[in-house]
């Protein structure tokens, strides 16, 4: 059985897309409107699906 410290070293690196999204959120929080626009474009399909499910559409 693996020890927790061994398992931590075996975790894959974060996906580049996730890393980019995190960076975009940080930039948006700092006031970067272009970062906000990129986030909206990136996540628009997911956001629309969530809204449709919530509204029962």
C-alpha atoms as a PDB file:
ATOM      1  CA  UNK A   1       0.000   0.000   0.000  1.00  0.00           C
ATOM      2  CA  UNK A   2       1.299   3.464  -0.901  1.00  0.00           C
ATOM      3  CA  UNK A   3       1.991   6.085   1.713  1.00  0.00           C
ATOM      4  CA  UNK A   4       0.246   9.484   1.426  1.00  0.00           C
ATOM      5  CA  UNK A   5       3.521  11.259   0.603  1.00  0.00           C
ATOM      6  CA  UNK A   6       4.130   8.778  -2.218  1.00  0.00           C
ATOM      7  CA  UNK A   7       0.629   9.332  -3.588  1.00  0.00           C
ATOM      8  CA  UNK A   8       1.087  13.107  -3.569  1.00  0.00           C
ATOM      9  CA  UNK A   9       4.167  12.795  -5.742  1.00  0.00           C
ATOM     10  CA  UNK A  10       2.212  10.623  -8.211  1.00  0.00           C
ATOM     11  CA  UNK A  11      -0.550  13.173  -8.848  1.00  0.00           C
ATOM     12  CA  UNK A  12      -0.618  14.500 -12.393  1.00  0.00           C
ATOM     13  CA  UNK A  13       0.176  18.135 -13.036  1.00  0.00           C
ATOM     14  CA  UNK A  14      -2.855  20.431 -13.392  1.00  0.00           C
ATOM     15  CA  UNK A  15      -4.315  20.592 -16.874  1.00  0.00           C
ATOM     16  CA  UNK A  16      -3.068  23.563 -18.884  1.00  0.00           C
ATOM     17  CA  UNK A  17      -6.685  24.644 -19.475  1.00  0.00           C
ATOM     18  CA  UNK A  18      -7.392  24.687 -15.746  1.00  0.00           C
ATOM     19  CA  UNK A  19      -4.195  26.600 -15.051  1.00  0.00           C
ATOM     20  CA  UNK A  20      -5.178  29.138 -17.707  1.00  0.00           C
ATOM     21  CA  UNK A  21      -8.673  29.489 -16.248  1.00  0.00           C
ATOM     22  CA  UNK A  22      -7.260  30.088 -12.785  1.00  0.00           C
ATOM     23  CA  UNK A  23      -4.952  32.745 -14.169  1.00  0.00           C
ATOM     24  CA  UNK A  24      -7.853  34.376 -16.014  1.00  0.00           C
ATOM     25  CA  UNK A  25      -9.911  34.492 -12.805  1.00  0.00           C
ATOM     26  CA  UNK A  26      -7.022  36.189 -11.017  1.00  0.00           C
ATOM     27  CA  UNK A  27      -6.681  38.715 -13.812  1.00  0.00           C
ATOM     28  CA  UNK A  28     -10.421  39.370 -13.815  1.00  0.00           C
ATOM     29  CA  UNK A  29     -10.383  39.913 -10.053  1.00  0.00           C
ATOM     30  CA  UNK A  30      -7.638  42.478 -10.637  1.00  0.00           C
ATOM     31  CA  UNK A  31      -9.916  44.339 -13.055  1.00  0.00           C
ATOM     32  CA  UNK A  32      -8.892  42.904 -16.430  1.00  0.00           C
ATOM     33  CA  UNK A  33     -12.038  42.988 -18.601  1.00  0.00           C
ATOM     34  CA  UNK A  34     -10.397  41.012 -21.415  1.00  0.00           C
ATOM     35  CA  UNK A  35      -9.827  38.154 -18.967  1.00  0.00           C
ATOM     36  CA  UNK A  36     -13.531  38.257 -18.077  1.00  0.00           C
ATOM     37  CA  UNK A  37     -14.479  38.076 -21.745  1.00  0.00           C
ATOM     38  CA  UNK A  38     -12.166  35.124 -22.312  1.00  0.00           C
ATOM     39  CA  UNK A  39     -13.648  33.300 -19.317  1.00  0.00           C
ATOM     40  CA  UNK A  40     -17.178  33.905 -20.586  1.00  0.00           C
ATOM     41  CA  UNK A  41     -16.298  32.605 -24.042  1.00  0.00           C
ATOM     42  CA  UNK A  42     -14.526  29.609 -22.568  1.00  0.00           C
ATOM     43  CA  UNK A  43     -17.382  28.629 -20.247  1.00  0.00           C
ATOM     44  CA  UNK A  44     -20.440  29.933 -22.137  1.00  0.00           C
ATOM     45  CA  UNK A  45     -21.672  26.465 -23.262  1.00  0.00           C
ATOM     46  CA  UNK A  46     -21.421  25.088 -19.718  1.00  0.00           C
ATOM     47  CA  UNK A  47     -23.072  28.148 -18.213  1.00  0.00           C
ATOM     48  CA  UNK A  48     -25.945  27.967 -20.683  1.00  0.00           C
ATOM     49  CA  UNK A  49     -26.508  24.269 -19.909  1.00  0.00           C
ATOM     50  CA  UNK A  50     -26.630  25.017 -16.172  1.00  0.00           C
ATOM     51  CA  UNK A  51     -29.104  27.859 -16.680  1.00  0.00           C
ATOM     52  CA  UNK A  52     -31.307  25.712 -18.930  1.00  0.00           C
ATOM     53  CA  UNK A  53     -31.383  22.903 -16.378  1.00  0.00           C
ATOM     54  CA  UNK A  54     -32.185  25.299 -13.530  1.00  0.00           C
ATOM     55  CA  UNK A  55     -34.970  26.953 -15.532  1.00  0.00           C
ATOM     56  CA  UNK A  56     -36.303  23.645 -16.798  1.00  0.00           C
ATOM     57  CA  UNK A  57     -35.896  24.667 -20.422  1.00  0.00           C
END
